[in-house]
C-alpha atoms as a PDB file:
ATOM      1  CA  MET A   1     105.573  97.537 124.221  1.00  0.00           C
ATOM      2  CA  ASP A   2     108.418  99.854 125.011  1.00  0.00           C
ATOM      3  CA  PRO A   3     109.280 102.531 122.388  1.00  0.00           C
ATOM      4  CA  GLU A   4     112.965 102.020 123.233  1.00  0.00           C
ATOM      5  CA  SER A   5     112.811  98.273 122.549  1.00  0.00           C
ATOM      6  CA  THR A   6     111.058  98.669 119.211  1.00  0.00           C
ATOM      7  CA  SER A   7     113.436  98.795 116.281  1.00  0.00           C
ATOM      8  CA  TYR A   8     113.025 100.787 113.108  1.00  0.00           C
ATOM      9  CA  VAL A   9     112.644  97.550 111.163  1.00  0.00           C
ATOM     10  CA  THR A  10     109.596  96.609 113.197  1.00  0.00           C
ATOM     11  CA  LEU A  11     108.053 100.067 112.827  1.00  0.00           C
ATOM     12  CA  PHE A  12     108.624 100.212 109.112  1.00  0.00           C
ATOM     13  CA  GLY A  13     107.248  96.724 108.701  1.00  0.00           C
ATOM     14  CA  ALA A  14     104.145  97.412 110.777  1.00  0.00           C
ATOM     15  CA  VAL A  15     103.338 100.675 109.021  1.00  0.00           C
ATOM     16  CA  GLY A  16     104.025  99.023 105.677  1.00  0.00           C
ATOM     17  CA  ALA A  17     101.574  96.211 106.543  1.00  0.00           C
ATOM     18  CA  LEU A  18      98.997  98.792 107.571  1.00  0.00           C
ATOM     19  CA  ALA A  19      99.515 100.665 104.287  1.00  0.00           C
ATOM     20  CA  PHE A  20      99.006  97.386 102.384  1.00  0.00           C
ATOM     21  CA  ALA A  21      95.736  96.841 104.224  1.00  0.00           C
ATOM     22  CA  VAL A  22      94.492 100.359 103.440  1.00  0.00           C
ATOM     23  CA  ALA A  23      95.501  99.974  99.784  1.00  0.00           C
ATOM     24  CA  PHE A  24      93.647  96.666  99.582  1.00  0.00           C
ATOM     25  CA  LEU A  25      90.481  98.097 101.135  1.00  0.00           C
ATOM     26  CA  ALA A  26      90.630 101.150  98.834  1.00  0.00           C
ATOM     27  CA  GLY A  27      90.939  98.782  95.885  1.00  0.00           C
ATOM     28  CA  VAL A  28      87.880  96.883  97.034  1.00  0.00           C
ATOM     29  CA  ARG A  29      85.948 100.140  97.422  1.00  0.00           C
ATOM     30  CA  GLU A  30      87.038 101.271  93.981  1.00  0.00           C
ATOM     31  CA  ARG A  31      85.874  98.006  92.448  1.00  0.00           C
ATOM     32  CA  ARG A  32      82.527  98.314  94.205  1.00  0.00           C
ATOM     33  CA  GLU A  33      82.182 101.851  92.856  1.00  0.00           C
ATOM     34  CA  ARG A  34      82.915 100.723  89.307  1.00  0.00           C
ATOM     35  CA  HIS A  35      80.289  97.987  89.477  1.00  0.00           C
ATOM     36  CA  ARG A  36      77.505  99.966  91.152  1.00  0.00           C
ATOM     37  CA  ARG A  37      73.944  99.616  89.959  1.00  0.00           C
ATOM     38  CA  ASP A  38      72.863 103.237  90.505  1.00  0.00           C
ATOM     39  CA  LEU A  39      75.143 105.239  88.217  1.00  0.00           C
ATOM     40  CA  ASP A  40      74.045 108.514  89.843  1.00  0.00           C
ATOM     41  CA  ARG A  41      75.520 107.556  93.229  1.00  0.00           C
ATOM     42  CA  ILE A  42      79.165 108.491  92.802  1.00  0.00           C
ATOM     43  CA  SER A  43      81.683 108.612  95.595  1.00  0.00           C
ATOM     44  CA  THR A  44      83.443 111.790  96.661  1.00  0.00           C
ATOM     45  CA  VAL A  45      86.591 109.842  97.578  1.00  0.00           C
ATOM     46  CA  PRO A  46      88.997 109.099  94.728  1.00  0.00           C
ATOM     47  CA  TRP A  47      89.494 105.426  95.663  1.00  0.00           C
ATOM     48  CA  ARG A  48      91.839 104.634  92.792  1.00  0.00           C
ATOM     49  CA  LEU A  49      94.194 107.454  93.838  1.00  0.00           C
ATOM     50  CA  VAL A  50      94.041 106.312  97.496  1.00  0.00           C
ATOM     51  CA  SER A  51      94.790 102.762  96.444  1.00  0.00           C
ATOM     52  CA  VAL A  52      97.770 103.766  94.266  1.00  0.00           C
ATOM     53  CA  LEU A  53      99.279 106.134  96.837  1.00  0.00           C
ATOM     54  CA  PHE A  54      99.005 103.655  99.703  1.00  0.00           C
ATOM     55  CA  SER A  55     100.363 100.846  97.502  1.00  0.00           C
ATOM     56  CA  MET A  56     103.449 102.934  96.727  1.00  0.00           C
ATOM     57  CA  LEU A  57     103.829 103.851 100.397  1.00  0.00           C
ATOM     58  CA  ALA A  58     103.488 100.196 101.404  1.00  0.00           C
ATOM     59  CA  ILE A  59     106.132  99.094  98.869  1.00  0.00           C
ATOM     60  CA  ILE A  60     108.562 101.778  99.947  1.00  0.00           C
ATOM     61  CA  LEU A  61     108.128 101.083 103.656  1.00  0.00           C
ATOM     62  CA  THR A  62     108.382  97.297 103.250  1.00  0.00           C
ATOM     63  CA  ALA A  63     111.476  97.590 101.057  1.00  0.00           C
ATOM     64  CA  THR A  64     113.074  99.909 103.617  1.00  0.00           C
ATOM     65  CA  ALA A  65     112.261  97.432 106.448  1.00  0.00           C
ATOM     66  CA  VAL A  66     113.721  94.519 104.494  1.00  0.00           C
ATOM     67  CA  ARG A  67     116.877  96.509 103.608  1.00  0.00           C
ATOM     68  CA  ALA A  68     117.339  97.575 107.223  1.00  0.00           C
ATOM     69  CA  TRP A  69     116.727  93.995 108.425  1.00  0.00           C
ATOM     70  CA  PHE A  70     119.421  92.629 106.090  1.00  0.00           C
ATOM     71  CA  ALA A  71     121.812  95.461 106.980  1.00  0.00           C
ATOM     72  CA  SER A  72     121.448  94.758 110.712  1.00  0.00           C
ATOM     73  CA  GLY A  73     122.436  91.126 110.191  1.00  0.00           C
ATOM     74  CA  SER A  74     119.339  89.706 111.882  1.00  0.00           C
END
């Protein structure tokens, strides 16, 4: 894939999809941490914060990609 042939719409869409995937996986990890059996085994990663931040990033990138796609007339 040529960097010159890749449009900004494609890049924003791909990174937005990746951010959605990370947000989903962080949400799964956060749910598993909430329902753990051993209450003394806590995670050092704030999964809820990771999930929220990547969700916001995914929404912003996807909205930007959709706006750029409609603006380009494609």
